Amino acid sequence: MKLAFILILSLFMTSPAYSRDLESTNIKGLSFSYRDVQQNCTVQRAGQDSLSIECLGNHLKSVSRSCGGYISRGLESAKLNCGGALWVLNQQCKIEMRSANYGEINCKT
């Protein structure tokens, strides 16, 4: 029983968490890092269910153009949707809505 508890505790402590302490190394094949996306991109409501991604800096234009978001069942269900080479962002980042019209992107490494 003790061993099971320790095993579960260690898995919990080592699982990746969304964090502001991201590695600043560029994503393979791209000219920016997850930290760049998290710090320089925001989410704006573009319609009832659609979200647009707005990023500061020329090196993040591809994120603004290739990524968007949608809301399926309320603000807590906002999903990031990136295409092409930026599909890796779908796996590592998520949208967190801060209000009905504004959100942030949080990434994990």
PDB file of N, CA and C in Angstrom:
ATOM      1  N   MET A   1       0.818  -1.188   0.000  1.00  0.00           N
ATOM      2  CA  MET A   1       0.000   0.000   0.000  1.00  0.00           C
ATOM      3  C   MET A   1       0.866   1.258   0.000  1.00  0.00           C
ATOM      4  N   LYS A   2       1.934   1.252   0.831  1.00  0.00           N
ATOM      5  CA  LYS A   2       2.840   2.396   0.871  1.00  0.00           C
ATOM      6  C   LYS A   2       3.487   2.622  -0.488  1.00  0.00           C
ATOM      7  N   LEU A   3       3.895   1.532  -1.133  1.00  0.00           N
ATOM      8  CA  LEU A   3       4.556   1.620  -2.426  1.00  0.00           C
ATOM      9  C   LEU A   3       3.619   2.232  -3.473  1.00  0.00           C
ATOM     10  N   ALA A   4       2.361   1.838  -3.454  1.00  0.00           N
ATOM     11  CA  ALA A   4       1.392   2.386  -4.401  1.00  0.00           C
ATOM     12  C   ALA A   4       1.218   3.878  -4.176  1.00  0.00           C
ATOM     13  N   PHE A   5       1.130   4.295  -2.935  1.00  0.00           N
ATOM     14  CA  PHE A   5       0.986   5.716  -2.609  1.00  0.00           C
ATOM     15  C   PHE A   5       2.201   6.502  -3.088  1.00  0.00           C
ATOM     16  N   ILE A   6       3.391   5.992  -2.839  1.00  0.00           N
ATOM     17  CA  ILE A   6       4.620   6.671  -3.266  1.00  0.00           C
ATOM     18  C   ILE A   6       4.677   6.758  -4.786  1.00  0.00           C
ATOM     19  N   LEU A   7       4.291   5.701  -5.469  1.00  0.00           N
ATOM     20  CA  LEU A   7       4.287   5.677  -6.924  1.00  0.00           C
ATOM     21  C   LEU A   7       3.315   6.711  -7.483  1.00  0.00           C
ATOM     22  N   ILE A   8       2.125   6.772  -6.927  1.00  0.00           N
ATOM     23  CA  ILE A   8       1.135   7.751  -7.380  1.00  0.00           C
ATOM     24  C   ILE A   8       1.619   9.168  -7.100  1.00  0.00           C
ATOM     25  N   LEU A   9       2.173   9.393  -5.944  1.00  0.00           N
ATOM     26  CA  LEU A   9       2.698  10.708  -5.588  1.00  0.00           C
ATOM     27  C   LEU A   9       3.815  11.130  -6.526  1.00  0.00           C
ATOM     28  N   SER A  10       4.720  10.205  -6.856  1.00  0.00           N
ATOM     29  CA  SER A  10       5.828  10.550  -7.750  1.00  0.00           C
ATOM     30  C   SER A  10       5.336  10.847  -9.158  1.00  0.00           C
ATOM     31  N   LEU A  11       4.316  10.138  -9.627  1.00  0.00           N
ATOM     32  CA  LEU A  11       3.748  10.426 -10.944  1.00  0.00           C
ATOM     33  C   LEU A  11       3.100  11.803 -10.967  1.00  0.00           C
ATOM     34  N   PHE A  12       2.402  12.128  -9.895  1.00  0.00           N
ATOM     35  CA  PHE A  12       1.769  13.434  -9.797  1.00  0.00           C
ATOM     36  C   PHE A  12       2.805  14.551  -9.813  1.00  0.00           C
ATOM     37  N   MET A  13       3.888  14.369  -9.112  1.00  0.00           N
ATOM     38  CA  MET A  13       4.908  15.406  -9.000  1.00  0.00           C
ATOM     39  C   MET A  13       5.726  15.560 -10.273  1.00  0.00           C
ATOM     40  N   THR A  14       5.833  14.523 -11.097  1.00  0.00           N
ATOM     41  CA  THR A  14       6.644  14.607 -12.305  1.00  0.00           C
ATOM     42  C   THR A  14       5.821  14.870 -13.545  1.00  0.00           C
ATOM     43  N   SER A  15       4.491  14.909 -13.446  1.00  0.00           N
ATOM     44  CA  SER A  15       3.689  15.163 -14.632  1.00  0.00           C
ATOM     45  C   SER A  15       3.911  16.589 -15.110  1.00  0.00           C
ATOM     46  N   PRO A  16       3.894  16.807 -16.442  1.00  0.00           N
ATOM     47  CA  PRO A  16       4.120  18.150 -16.946  1.00  0.00           C
ATOM     48  C   PRO A  16       2.979  19.064 -16.519  1.00  0.00           C
ATOM     49  N   ALA A  17       3.300  20.280 -16.186  1.00  0.00           N
ATOM     50  CA  ALA A  17       2.300  21.251 -15.752  1.00  0.00           C
ATOM     51  C   ALA A  17       2.398  22.495 -16.620  1.00  0.00           C
ATOM     52  N   TYR A  18       1.281  23.175 -16.802  1.00  0.00           N
ATOM     53  CA  TYR A  18       1.308  24.433 -17.512  1.00  0.00           C
ATOM     54  C   TYR A  18       2.018  25.432 -16.622  1.00  0.00           C
ATOM     55  N   SER A  19       2.928  26.158 -17.203  1.00  0.00           N
ATOM     56  CA  SER A  19       3.820  26.951 -16.363  1.00  0.00           C
ATOM     57  C   SER A  19       4.308  28.178 -17.106  1.00  0.00           C
ATOM     58  N   ARG A  20       4.684  29.178 -16.363  1.00  0.00           N
ATOM     59  CA  ARG A  20       5.308  30.374 -16.932  1.00  0.00           C
ATOM     60  C   ARG A  20       6.814  30.168 -17.060  1.00  0.00           C
ATOM     61  N   ASP A  21       7.347  29.107 -16.517  1.00  0.00           N
ATOM     62  CA  ASP A  21       8.777  28.824 -16.558  1.00  0.00           C
ATOM     63  C   ASP A  21       9.066  27.871 -17.718  1.00  0.00           C
ATOM     64  N   LEU A  22       9.031  28.389 -18.930  1.00  0.00           N
ATOM     65  CA  LEU A  22       9.212  27.571 -20.122  1.00  0.00           C
ATOM     66  C   LEU A  22      10.625  27.676 -20.660  1.00  0.00           C
ATOM     67  N   GLU A  23      11.023  26.627 -21.333  1.00  0.00           N
ATOM     68  CA  GLU A  23      12.311  26.636 -22.006  1.00  0.00           C
ATOM     69  C   GLU A  23      12.245  27.629 -23.161  1.00  0.00           C
ATOM     70  N   SER A  24      13.297  28.409 -23.345  1.00  0.00           N
ATOM     71  CA  SER A  24      13.291  29.431 -24.387  1.00  0.00           C
ATOM     72  C   SER A  24      13.910  28.958 -25.699  1.00  0.00           C
ATOM     73  N   THR A  25      14.229  27.683 -25.809  1.00  0.00           N
ATOM     74  CA  THR A  25      14.778  27.134 -27.036  1.00  0.00           C
ATOM     75  C   THR A  25      13.692  27.109 -28.113  1.00  0.00           C
ATOM     76  N   ASN A  26      14.061  27.482 -29.341  1.00  0.00           N
ATOM     77  CA  ASN A  26      13.092  27.471 -30.433  1.00  0.00           C
ATOM     78  C   ASN A  26      12.520  26.078 -30.659  1.00  0.00           C
ATOM     79  N   ILE A  27      11.261  26.047 -31.046  1.00  0.00           N
ATOM     80  CA  ILE A  27      10.596  24.800 -31.408  1.00  0.00           C
ATOM     81  C   ILE A  27      11.259  24.297 -32.684  1.00  0.00           C
ATOM     82  N   LYS A  28      11.514  23.014 -32.768  1.00  0.00           N
ATOM     83  CA  LYS A  28      12.209  22.441 -33.920  1.00  0.00           C
ATOM     84  C   LYS A  28      11.537  22.858 -35.233  1.00  0.00           C
ATOM     85  N   GLY A  29      12.314  23.473 -36.111  1.00  0.00           N
ATOM     86  CA  GLY A  29      11.841  23.904 -37.415  1.00  0.00           C
ATOM     87  C   GLY A  29      11.153  25.263 -37.432  1.00  0.00           C
ATOM     88  N   LEU A  30      11.033  25.906 -36.270  1.00  0.00           N
ATOM     89  CA  LEU A  30      10.360  27.200 -36.197  1.00  0.00           C
ATOM     90  C   LEU A  30      11.295  28.248 -35.605  1.00  0.00           C
ATOM     91  N   SER A  31      10.990  29.508 -35.833  1.00  0.00           N
ATOM     92  CA  SER A  31      11.872  30.587 -35.382  1.00  0.00           C
ATOM     93  C   SER A  31      11.437  31.181 -34.043  1.00  0.00           C
ATOM     94  N   PHE A  32      10.672  30.417 -33.248  1.00  0.00           N
ATOM     95  CA  PHE A  32      10.213  30.901 -31.953  1.00  0.00           C
ATOM     96  C   PHE A  32      10.033  29.727 -31.003  1.00  0.00           C
ATOM     97  N   SER A  33       9.905  30.058 -29.735  1.00  0.00           N
ATOM     98  CA  SER A  33       9.759  29.043 -28.689  1.00  0.00           C
ATOM     99  C   SER A  33       8.333  29.055 -28.136  1.00  0.00           C
ATOM    100  N   TYR A  34       8.027  28.065 -27.314  1.00  0.00           N
ATOM    101  CA  TYR A  34       6.737  28.046 -26.614  1.00  0.00           C
ATOM    102  C   TYR A  34       6.624  29.269 -25.707  1.00  0.00           C
ATOM    103  N   ARG A  35       7.731  29.663 -25.126  1.00  0.00           N
ATOM    104  CA  ARG A  35       7.737  30.854 -24.264  1.00  0.00           C
ATOM    105  C   ARG A  35       7.341  32.095 -25.065  1.00  0.00           C
ATOM    106  N   ASP A  36       7.867  32.224 -26.294  1.00  0.00           N
ATOM    107  CA  ASP A  36       7.502  33.351 -27.157  1.00  0.00           C
ATOM    108  C   ASP A  36       5.995  33.387 -27.400  1.00  0.00           C
ATOM    109  N   VAL A  37       5.422  32.231 -27.702  1.00  0.00           N
ATOM    110  CA  VAL A  37       3.979  32.150 -27.957  1.00  0.00           C
ATOM    111  C   VAL A  37       3.206  32.549 -26.705  1.00  0.00           C
ATOM    112  N   GLN A  38       3.582  32.003 -25.588  1.00  0.00           N
ATOM    113  CA  GLN A  38       2.870  32.274 -24.344  1.00  0.00           C
ATOM    114  C   GLN A  38       2.960  33.739 -23.937  1.00  0.00           C
ATOM    115  N   GLN A  39       4.118  34.352 -24.118  1.00  0.00           N
ATOM    116  CA  GLN A  39       4.316  35.728 -23.670  1.00  0.00           C
ATOM    117  C   GLN A  39       3.827  36.780 -24.660  1.00  0.00           C
ATOM    118  N   ASN A  40       3.721  36.428 -25.951  1.00  0.00           N
ATOM    119  CA  ASN A  40       3.434  37.434 -26.964  1.00  0.00           C
ATOM    120  C   ASN A  40       2.126  37.242 -27.720  1.00  0.00           C
ATOM    121  N   CYS A  41       1.386  36.209 -27.424  1.00  0.00           N
ATOM    122  CA  CYS A  41       0.135  35.954 -28.135  1.00  0.00           C
ATOM    123  C   CYS A  41      -1.043  35.985 -27.165  1.00  0.00           C
ATOM    124  N   THR A  42      -2.129  36.569 -27.614  1.00  0.00           N
ATOM    125  CA  THR A  42      -3.361  36.610 -26.834  1.00  0.00           C
ATOM    126  C   THR A  42      -4.508  36.104 -27.703  1.00  0.00           C
ATOM    127  N   VAL A  43      -5.633  35.899 -27.071  1.00  0.00           N
ATOM    128  CA  VAL A  43      -6.810  35.370 -27.742  1.00  0.00           C
ATOM    129  C   VAL A  43      -7.917  36.410 -27.635  1.00  0.00           C
ATOM    130  N   GLN A  44      -8.558  36.681 -28.760  1.00  0.00           N
ATOM    131  CA  GLN A  44      -9.676  37.620 -28.796  1.00  0.00           C
ATOM    132  C   GLN A  44     -10.903  36.907 -29.354  1.00  0.00           C
ATOM    133  N   ARG A  45     -12.032  37.186 -28.789  1.00  0.00           N
ATOM    134  CA  ARG A  45     -13.278  36.615 -29.291  1.00  0.00           C
ATOM    135  C   ARG A  45     -13.560  37.205 -30.657  1.00  0.00           C
ATOM    136  N   ALA A  46     -13.806  36.363 -31.660  1.00  0.00           N
ATOM    137  CA  ALA A  46     -14.054  36.826 -33.023  1.00  0.00           C
ATOM    138  C   ALA A  46     -15.501  36.587 -33.444  1.00  0.00           C
ATOM    139  N   GLY A  47     -16.246  35.881 -32.664  1.00  0.00           N
ATOM    140  CA  GLY A  47     -17.641  35.563 -32.950  1.00  0.00           C
ATOM    141  C   GLY A  47     -18.205  34.790 -31.781  1.00  0.00           C
ATOM    142  N   GLN A  48     -19.398  34.285 -31.947  1.00  0.00           N
ATOM    143  CA  GLN A  48     -20.024  33.567 -30.843  1.00  0.00           C
ATOM    144  C   GLN A  48     -19.187  32.370 -30.384  1.00  0.00           C
ATOM    145  N   ASP A  49     -18.674  31.600 -31.344  1.00  0.00           N
ATOM    146  CA  ASP A  49     -17.912  30.403 -31.005  1.00  0.00           C
ATOM    147  C   ASP A  49     -16.457  30.454 -31.461  1.00  0.00           C
ATOM    148  N   SER A  50     -16.048  31.494 -32.165  1.00  0.00           N
ATOM    149  CA  SER A  50     -14.697  31.525 -32.735  1.00  0.00           C
ATOM    150  C   SER A  50     -13.793  32.507 -31.995  1.00  0.00           C
ATOM    151  N   LEU A  51     -12.511  32.161 -31.987  1.00  0.00           N
ATOM    152  CA  LEU A  51     -11.488  32.950 -31.326  1.00  0.00           C
ATOM    153  C   LEU A  51     -10.358  33.214 -32.308  1.00  0.00           C
ATOM    154  N   SER A  52      -9.783  34.403 -32.259  1.00  0.00           N
ATOM    155  CA  SER A  52      -8.618  34.702 -33.102  1.00  0.00           C
ATOM    156  C   SER A  52      -7.400  34.857 -32.207  1.00  0.00           C
ATOM    157  N   ILE A  53      -6.257  34.510 -32.757  1.00  0.00           N
ATOM    158  CA  ILE A  53      -4.989  34.612 -32.051  1.00  0.00           C
ATOM    159  C   ILE A  53      -4.257  35.840 -32.565  1.00  0.00           C
ATOM    160  N   GLU A  54      -3.835  36.704 -31.655  1.00  0.00           N
ATOM    161  CA  GLU A  54      -3.094  37.904 -32.019  1.00  0.00           C
ATOM    162  C   GLU A  54      -1.749  37.865 -31.322  1.00  0.00           C
ATOM    163  N   CYS A  55      -0.678  38.027 -32.108  1.00  0.00           N
ATOM    164  CA  CYS A  55       0.683  37.943 -31.564  1.00  0.00           C
ATOM    165  C   CYS A  55       1.471  39.195 -31.896  1.00  0.00           C
ATOM    166  N   LEU A  56       2.325  39.592 -30.970  1.00  0.00           N
ATOM    167  CA  LEU A  56       3.243  40.714 -31.179  1.00  0.00           C
ATOM    168  C   LEU A  56       4.541  40.178 -31.763  1.00  0.00           C
ATOM    169  N   GLY A  57       5.117  40.900 -32.698  1.00  0.00           N
ATOM    170  CA  GLY A  57       6.409  40.507 -33.276  1.00  0.00           C
ATOM    171  C   GLY A  57       6.255  39.812 -34.609  1.00  0.00           C
ATOM    172  N   ASN A  58       7.094  40.215 -35.555  1.00  0.00           N
ATOM    173  CA  ASN A  58       7.054  39.630 -36.902  1.00  0.00           C
ATOM    174  C   ASN A  58       7.344  38.139 -36.907  1.00  0.00           C
ATOM    175  N   HIS A  59       8.172  37.670 -35.973  1.00  0.00           N
ATOM    176  CA  HIS A  59       8.528  36.253 -35.959  1.00  0.00           C
ATOM    177  C   HIS A  59       7.347  35.359 -35.553  1.00  0.00           C
ATOM    178  N   LEU A  60       6.254  35.956 -35.077  1.00  0.00           N
ATOM    179  CA  LEU A  60       5.079  35.179 -34.670  1.00  0.00           C
ATOM    180  C   LEU A  60       3.880  35.374 -35.597  1.00  0.00           C
ATOM    181  N   LYS A  61       4.099  36.021 -36.752  1.00  0.00           N
ATOM    182  CA  LYS A  61       3.004  36.222 -37.701  1.00  0.00           C
ATOM    183  C   LYS A  61       2.369  34.901 -38.127  1.00  0.00           C
ATOM    184  N   SER A  62       3.187  33.862 -38.279  1.00  0.00           N
ATOM    185  CA  SER A  62       2.655  32.573 -38.702  1.00  0.00           C
ATOM    186  C   SER A  62       1.674  32.004 -37.676  1.00  0.00           C
ATOM    187  N   VAL A  63       1.885  32.302 -36.400  1.00  0.00           N
ATOM    188  CA  VAL A  63       0.966  31.833 -35.368  1.00  0.00           C
ATOM    189  C   VAL A  63      -0.376  32.551 -35.516  1.00  0.00           C
ATOM    190  N   SER A  64      -0.344  33.855 -35.720  1.00  0.00           N
ATOM    191  CA  SER A  64      -1.586  34.620 -35.910  1.00  0.00           C
ATOM    192  C   SER A  64      -2.346  34.149 -37.138  1.00  0.00           C
ATOM    193  N   ARG A  65      -1.623  33.776 -38.183  1.00  0.00           N
ATOM    194  CA  ARG A  65      -2.259  33.372 -39.445  1.00  0.00           C
ATOM    195  C   ARG A  65      -2.734  31.917 -39.443  1.00  0.00           C
ATOM    196  N   SER A  66      -1.978  31.030 -38.812  1.00  0.00           N
ATOM    197  CA  SER A  66      -2.271  29.594 -38.897  1.00  0.00           C
ATOM    198  C   SER A  66      -3.025  29.038 -37.699  1.00  0.00           C
ATOM    199  N   CYS A  67      -3.226  29.849 -36.679  1.00  0.00           N
ATOM    200  CA  CYS A  67      -3.901  29.366 -35.479  1.00  0.00           C
ATOM    201  C   CYS A  67      -5.167  30.157 -35.214  1.00  0.00           C
ATOM    202  N   GLY A  68      -6.091  29.492 -34.620  1.00  0.00           N
ATOM    203  CA  GLY A  68      -7.332  30.101 -34.184  1.00  0.00           C
ATOM    204  C   GLY A  68      -7.843  29.308 -33.000  1.00  0.00           C
ATOM    205  N   GLY A  69      -9.028  29.559 -32.633  1.00  0.00           N
ATOM    206  CA  GLY A  69      -9.602  28.815 -31.527  1.00  0.00           C
ATOM    207  C   GLY A  69     -11.100  28.748 -31.661  1.00  0.00           C
ATOM    208  N   TYR A  70     -11.692  27.907 -30.856  1.00  0.00           N
ATOM    209  CA  TYR A  70     -13.147  27.796 -30.847  1.00  0.00           C
ATOM    210  C   TYR A  70     -13.624  27.440 -29.446  1.00  0.00           C
ATOM    211  N   ILE A  71     -14.854  27.786 -29.200  1.00  0.00           N
ATOM    212  CA  ILE A  71     -15.504  27.486 -27.922  1.00  0.00           C
ATOM    213  C   ILE A  71     -16.641  26.529 -28.220  1.00  0.00           C
ATOM    214  N   SER A  72     -16.620  25.367 -27.589  1.00  0.00           N
ATOM    215  CA  SER A  72     -17.657  24.387 -27.884  1.00  0.00           C
ATOM    216  C   SER A  72     -18.767  24.335 -26.836  1.00  0.00           C
ATOM    217  N   ARG A  73     -18.426  24.486 -25.567  1.00  0.00           N
ATOM    218  CA  ARG A  73     -19.429  24.354 -24.506  1.00  0.00           C
ATOM    219  C   ARG A  73     -19.267  25.391 -23.410  1.00  0.00           C
ATOM    220  N   GLY A  74     -18.782  26.550 -23.701  1.00  0.00           N
ATOM    221  CA  GLY A  74     -18.548  27.561 -22.683  1.00  0.00           C
ATOM    222  C   GLY A  74     -17.086  27.957 -22.650  1.00  0.00           C
ATOM    223  N   LEU A  75     -16.788  29.005 -21.921  1.00  0.00           N
ATOM    224  CA  LEU A  75     -15.434  29.566 -21.905  1.00  0.00           C
ATOM    225  C   LEU A  75     -14.379  28.580 -21.443  1.00  0.00           C
ATOM    226  N   GLU A  76     -14.718  27.679 -20.542  1.00  0.00           N
ATOM    227  CA  GLU A  76     -13.737  26.706 -20.051  1.00  0.00           C
ATOM    228  C   GLU A  76     -13.406  25.638 -21.090  1.00  0.00           C
ATOM    229  N   SER A  77     -14.166  25.590 -22.178  1.00  0.00           N
ATOM    230  CA  SER A  77     -13.919  24.583 -23.210  1.00  0.00           C
ATOM    231  C   SER A  77     -13.198  25.150 -24.431  1.00  0.00           C
ATOM    232  N   ALA A  78     -12.593  26.319 -24.321  1.00  0.00           N
ATOM    233  CA  ALA A  78     -11.885  26.932 -25.451  1.00  0.00           C
ATOM    234  C   ALA A  78     -10.736  26.031 -25.895  1.00  0.00           C
ATOM    235  N   LYS A  79     -10.636  25.809 -27.194  1.00  0.00           N
ATOM    236  CA  LYS A  79      -9.607  24.937 -27.767  1.00  0.00           C
ATOM    237  C   LYS A  79      -8.765  25.693 -28.775  1.00  0.00           C
ATOM    238  N   LEU A  80      -7.472  25.415 -28.763  1.00  0.00           N
ATOM    239  CA  LEU A  80      -6.531  25.976 -29.730  1.00  0.00           C
ATOM    240  C   LEU A  80      -6.522  25.077 -30.958  1.00  0.00           C
ATOM    241  N   ASN A  81      -6.486  25.686 -32.143  1.00  0.00           N
ATOM    242  CA  ASN A  81      -6.487  24.922 -33.379  1.00  0.00           C
ATOM    243  C   ASN A  81      -5.490  25.536 -34.352  1.00  0.00           C
ATOM    244  N   CYS A  82      -4.307  24.905 -34.466  1.00  0.00           N
ATOM    245  CA  CYS A  82      -3.254  25.375 -35.375  1.00  0.00           C
ATOM    246  C   CYS A  82      -3.054  24.351 -36.475  1.00  0.00           C
ATOM    247  N   GLY A  83      -2.790  24.835 -37.674  1.00  0.00           N
ATOM    248  CA  GLY A  83      -2.584  23.942 -38.800  1.00  0.00           C
ATOM    249  C   GLY A  83      -1.152  23.943 -39.284  1.00  0.00           C
ATOM    250  N   GLY A  84      -0.878  23.097 -40.258  1.00  0.00           N
ATOM    251  CA  GLY A  84       0.438  23.019 -40.882  1.00  0.00           C
ATOM    252  C   GLY A  84       1.532  22.670 -39.896  1.00  0.00           C
ATOM    253  N   ALA A  85       2.667  23.325 -40.036  1.00  0.00           N
ATOM    254  CA  ALA A  85       3.826  23.057 -39.180  1.00  0.00           C
ATOM    255  C   ALA A  85       3.569  23.450 -37.732  1.00  0.00           C
ATOM    256  N   LEU A  86       2.532  24.230 -37.485  1.00  0.00           N
ATOM    257  CA  LEU A  86       2.252  24.696 -36.127  1.00  0.00           C
ATOM    258  C   LEU A  86       1.349  23.745 -35.340  1.00  0.00           C
ATOM    259  N   TRP A  87       1.051  22.575 -35.890  1.00  0.00           N
ATOM    260  CA  TRP A  87       0.207  21.606 -35.168  1.00  0.00           C
ATOM    261  C   TRP A  87       0.801  21.239 -33.815  1.00  0.00           C
ATOM    262  N   VAL A  88       2.133  21.378 -33.662  1.00  0.00           N
ATOM    263  CA  VAL A  88       2.775  21.057 -32.380  1.00  0.00           C
ATOM    264  C   VAL A  88       2.246  21.934 -31.253  1.00  0.00           C
ATOM    265  N   LEU A  89       1.781  23.143 -31.590  1.00  0.00           N
ATOM    266  CA  LEU A  89       1.214  24.012 -30.565  1.00  0.00           C
ATOM    267  C   LEU A  89      -0.077  23.427 -29.978  1.00  0.00           C
ATOM    268  N   ASN A  90      -0.835  22.700 -30.797  1.00  0.00           N
ATOM    269  CA  ASN A  90      -2.070  22.078 -30.306  1.00  0.00           C
ATOM    270  C   ASN A  90      -1.789  21.100 -29.178  1.00  0.00           C
ATOM    271  N   GLN A  91      -0.648  20.443 -29.234  1.00  0.00           N
ATOM    272  CA  GLN A  91      -0.306  19.432 -28.236  1.00  0.00           C
ATOM    273  C   GLN A  91       0.303  20.032 -26.977  1.00  0.00           C
ATOM    274  N   GLN A  92       0.949  21.180 -27.087  1.00  0.00           N
ATOM    275  CA  GLN A  92       1.689  21.740 -25.959  1.00  0.00           C
ATOM    276  C   GLN A  92       1.039  22.974 -25.330  1.00  0.00           C
ATOM    277  N   CYS A  93       0.068  23.558 -26.005  1.00  0.00           N
ATOM    278  CA  CYS A  93      -0.512  24.812 -25.517  1.00  0.00           C
ATOM    279  C   CYS A  93      -2.029  24.701 -25.413  1.00  0.00           C
ATOM    280  N   LYS A  94      -2.573  25.532 -24.558  1.00  0.00           N
ATOM    281  CA  LYS A  94      -4.029  25.577 -24.418  1.00  0.00           C
ATOM    282  C   LYS A  94      -4.465  27.023 -24.224  1.00  0.00           C
ATOM    283  N   ILE A  95      -5.726  27.272 -24.522  1.00  0.00           N
ATOM    284  CA  ILE A  95      -6.308  28.596 -24.336  1.00  0.00           C
ATOM    285  C   ILE A  95      -6.992  28.629 -22.984  1.00  0.00           C
ATOM    286  N   GLU A  96      -6.728  29.686 -22.250  1.00  0.00           N
ATOM    287  CA  GLU A  96      -7.434  29.938 -20.998  1.00  0.00           C
ATOM    288  C   GLU A  96      -8.120  31.294 -21.123  1.00  0.00           C
ATOM    289  N   MET A  97      -9.429  31.274 -21.169  1.00  0.00           N
ATOM    290  CA  MET A  97     -10.191  32.511 -21.284  1.00  0.00           C
ATOM    291  C   MET A  97     -10.201  33.228 -19.944  1.00  0.00           C
ATOM    292  N   ARG A  98      -9.883  34.518 -19.957  1.00  0.00           N
ATOM    293  CA  ARG A  98      -9.867  35.343 -18.747  1.00  0.00           C
ATOM    294  C   ARG A  98     -11.153  36.151 -18.599  1.00  0.00           C
ATOM    295  N   SER A  99     -11.849  36.333 -19.711  1.00  0.00           N
ATOM    296  CA  SER A  99     -13.156  37.002 -19.713  1.00  0.00           C
ATOM    297  C   SER A  99     -13.920  36.476 -20.917  1.00  0.00           C
ATOM    298  N   ALA A 100     -15.091  37.002 -21.164  1.00  0.00           N
ATOM    299  CA  ALA A 100     -15.887  36.538 -22.303  1.00  0.00           C
ATOM    300  C   ALA A 100     -15.241  36.884 -23.641  1.00  0.00           C
ATOM    301  N   ASN A 101     -14.350  37.879 -23.664  1.00  0.00           N
ATOM    302  CA  ASN A 101     -13.763  38.332 -24.923  1.00  0.00           C
ATOM    303  C   ASN A 101     -12.253  38.240 -25.016  1.00  0.00           C
ATOM    304  N   TYR A 102     -11.587  37.867 -23.937  1.00  0.00           N
ATOM    305  CA  TYR A 102     -10.124  37.873 -23.908  1.00  0.00           C
ATOM    306  C   TYR A 102      -9.596  36.587 -23.273  1.00  0.00           C
ATOM    307  N   GLY A 103      -8.507  36.084 -23.835  1.00  0.00           N
ATOM    308  CA  GLY A 103      -7.868  34.895 -23.264  1.00  0.00           C
ATOM    309  C   GLY A 103      -6.367  34.927 -23.458  1.00  0.00           C
ATOM    310  N   GLU A 104      -5.721  33.975 -22.827  1.00  0.00           N
ATOM    311  CA  GLU A 104      -4.270  33.829 -22.928  1.00  0.00           C
ATOM    312  C   GLU A 104      -3.945  32.415 -23.385  1.00  0.00           C
ATOM    313  N   ILE A 105      -2.740  32.266 -23.921  1.00  0.00           N
ATOM    314  CA  ILE A 105      -2.257  30.949 -24.312  1.00  0.00           C
ATOM    315  C   ILE A 105      -1.231  30.508 -23.272  1.00  0.00           C
ATOM    316  N   ASN A 106      -1.423  29.337 -22.725  1.00  0.00           N
ATOM    317  CA  ASN A 106      -0.470  28.763 -21.770  1.00  0.00           C
ATOM    318  C   ASN A 106       0.089  27.482 -22.370  1.00  0.00           C
ATOM    319  N   CYS A 107       1.402  27.356 -22.317  1.00  0.00           N
ATOM    320  CA  CYS A 107       2.081  26.198 -22.905  1.00  0.00           C
ATOM    321  C   CYS A 107       2.838  25.415 -21.836  1.00  0.00           C
ATOM    322  N   LYS A 108       3.058  24.150 -22.128  1.00  0.00           N
ATOM    323  CA  LYS A 108       3.864  23.298 -21.266  1.00  0.00           C
ATOM    324  C   LYS A 108       5.017  22.747 -22.099  1.00  0.00           C
ATOM    325  N   THR A 109       6.073  22.334 -21.456  1.00  0.00           N
ATOM    326  CA  THR A 109       7.187  21.698 -22.167  1.00  0.00           C
ATOM    327  C   THR A 109       7.441  20.350 -21.593  1.00  0.00           C
TER     328      THR A 109
END
